[in-house]
């Protein structure tokens, strides 16, 4: 049986923030966090990978500026 894939729509600001948030935590030893299941770690890793393939902003030399703008707009919403 072929796995089913879900398509979700995210605003660009949300996608950019989520990618950065996940990347910042990638080096964290989440397996040591009480209650974290290996399946949760796999899901977060897959989400990060999917965002990585989707966001052209990651290759923009103004990445940090774009990220700051996204955070500001999300905070104001």
C-alpha atoms as a PDB file:
ATOM      1  CA  UNK A   1       0.000   0.000   0.000  1.00  0.00           C
ATOM      2  CA  UNK A   2       1.365   3.414  -0.974  1.00  0.00           C
ATOM      3  CA  UNK A   3       1.553   5.908   1.892  1.00  0.00           C
ATOM      4  CA  UNK A   4      -0.907   8.745   1.650  1.00  0.00           C
ATOM      5  CA  UNK A   5       0.493  12.264   1.657  1.00  0.00           C
ATOM      6  CA  UNK A   6      -1.319  15.268   3.023  1.00  0.00           C
ATOM      7  CA  UNK A   7      -0.931  18.669   1.497  1.00  0.00           C
ATOM      8  CA  UNK A   8      -1.145  21.599   3.837  1.00  0.00           C
ATOM      9  CA  UNK A   9      -1.114  25.279   3.033  1.00  0.00           C
ATOM     10  CA  UNK A  10       1.021  27.572   5.123  1.00  0.00           C
ATOM     11  CA  UNK A  11       1.500  31.269   4.801  1.00  0.00           C
ATOM     12  CA  UNK A  12       5.084  32.012   3.727  1.00  0.00           C
ATOM     13  CA  UNK A  13       5.826  33.726   7.049  1.00  0.00           C
ATOM     14  CA  UNK A  14       4.601  30.687   8.985  1.00  0.00           C
ATOM     15  CA  UNK A  15       6.627  28.290   6.852  1.00  0.00           C
ATOM     16  CA  UNK A  16       9.787  30.376   7.209  1.00  0.00           C
ATOM     17  CA  UNK A  17       9.384  30.673  10.976  1.00  0.00           C
ATOM     18  CA  UNK A  18       8.655  26.948  11.416  1.00  0.00           C
ATOM     19  CA  UNK A  19      11.700  25.978   9.377  1.00  0.00           C
ATOM     20  CA  UNK A  20      13.996  28.218  11.416  1.00  0.00           C
ATOM     21  CA  UNK A  21      12.463  27.076  14.706  1.00  0.00           C
ATOM     22  CA  UNK A  22      12.986  23.435  13.788  1.00  0.00           C
ATOM     23  CA  UNK A  23      16.538  24.062  12.568  1.00  0.00           C
ATOM     24  CA  UNK A  24      17.471  25.839  15.804  1.00  0.00           C
ATOM     25  CA  UNK A  25      16.267  22.860  17.780  1.00  0.00           C
ATOM     26  CA  UNK A  26      17.810  20.220  15.536  1.00  0.00           C
ATOM     27  CA  UNK A  27      20.971  20.172  17.630  1.00  0.00           C
ATOM     28  CA  UNK A  28      18.998  19.800  20.853  1.00  0.00           C
ATOM     29  CA  UNK A  29      19.034  16.357  22.383  1.00  0.00           C
ATOM     30  CA  UNK A  30      15.277  15.932  22.187  1.00  0.00           C
ATOM     31  CA  UNK A  31      15.583  12.254  22.932  1.00  0.00           C
ATOM     32  CA  UNK A  32      16.648  13.267  26.423  1.00  0.00           C
ATOM     33  CA  UNK A  33      13.495  15.336  26.940  1.00  0.00           C
ATOM     34  CA  UNK A  34      11.040  13.432  29.107  1.00  0.00           C
ATOM     35  CA  UNK A  35       8.039  12.208  27.157  1.00  0.00           C
ATOM     36  CA  UNK A  36       9.515  12.682  23.682  1.00  0.00           C
ATOM     37  CA  UNK A  37       8.785   9.711  21.461  1.00  0.00           C
ATOM     38  CA  UNK A  38      11.058   8.662  18.581  1.00  0.00           C
ATOM     39  CA  UNK A  39       8.077   8.966  16.245  1.00  0.00           C
ATOM     40  CA  UNK A  40       7.668  12.612  17.191  1.00  0.00           C
ATOM     41  CA  UNK A  41      11.312  13.251  16.371  1.00  0.00           C
ATOM     42  CA  UNK A  42      10.872  11.566  12.998  1.00  0.00           C
ATOM     43  CA  UNK A  43       7.804  13.690  12.228  1.00  0.00           C
ATOM     44  CA  UNK A  44       9.632  16.912  13.116  1.00  0.00           C
ATOM     45  CA  UNK A  45      12.576  15.883  10.961  1.00  0.00           C
ATOM     46  CA  UNK A  46      10.291  15.157   8.000  1.00  0.00           C
ATOM     47  CA  UNK A  47       8.528  18.500   8.430  1.00  0.00           C
ATOM     48  CA  UNK A  48      11.856  20.310   8.463  1.00  0.00           C
ATOM     49  CA  UNK A  49      12.952  18.456   5.329  1.00  0.00           C
ATOM     50  CA  UNK A  50       9.732  19.282   3.497  1.00  0.00           C
ATOM     51  CA  UNK A  51      10.064  22.957   4.382  1.00  0.00           C
ATOM     52  CA  UNK A  52      13.723  22.917   3.337  1.00  0.00           C
ATOM     53  CA  UNK A  53      12.706  21.782  -0.161  1.00  0.00           C
ATOM     54  CA  UNK A  54       9.973  24.401  -0.422  1.00  0.00           C
ATOM     55  CA  UNK A  55      11.421  27.705   0.767  1.00  0.00           C
ATOM     56  CA  UNK A  56      13.379  29.791  -1.760  1.00  0.00           C
ATOM     57  CA  UNK A  57      14.100  32.287   1.043  1.00  0.00           C
ATOM     58  CA  UNK A  58      16.662  29.888   2.486  1.00  0.00           C
ATOM     59  CA  UNK A  59      19.046  30.784  -0.343  1.00  0.00           C
ATOM     60  CA  UNK A  60      18.421  34.519  -0.253  1.00  0.00           C
ATOM     61  CA  UNK A  61      21.381  36.534   1.072  1.00  0.00           C
ATOM     62  CA  UNK A  62      18.815  38.557   3.054  1.00  0.00           C
ATOM     63  CA  UNK A  63      17.569  35.436   4.877  1.00  0.00           C
ATOM     64  CA  UNK A  64      17.949  36.852   8.391  1.00  0.00           C
ATOM     65  CA  UNK A  65      16.180  40.051   7.363  1.00  0.00           C
ATOM     66  CA  UNK A  66      13.354  38.052   5.756  1.00  0.00           C
ATOM     67  CA  UNK A  67      13.054  35.912   8.875  1.00  0.00           C
ATOM     68  CA  UNK A  68      12.924  38.983  11.134  1.00  0.00           C
ATOM     69  CA  UNK A  69      10.186  40.468   8.970  1.00  0.00           C
ATOM     70  CA  UNK A  70       8.212  37.225   9.086  1.00  0.00           C
ATOM     71  CA  UNK A  71       8.476  37.099  12.877  1.00  0.00           C
ATOM     72  CA  UNK A  72       7.355  40.728  13.186  1.00  0.00           C
ATOM     73  CA  UNK A  73       4.342  40.186  10.926  1.00  0.00           C
ATOM     74  CA  UNK A  74       3.346  37.047  12.807  1.00  0.00           C
ATOM     75  CA  UNK A  75       3.647  38.832  16.154  1.00  0.00           C
ATOM     76  CA  UNK A  76       1.417  41.640  14.898  1.00  0.00           C
ATOM     77  CA  UNK A  77      -1.263  39.277  13.581  1.00  0.00           C
END
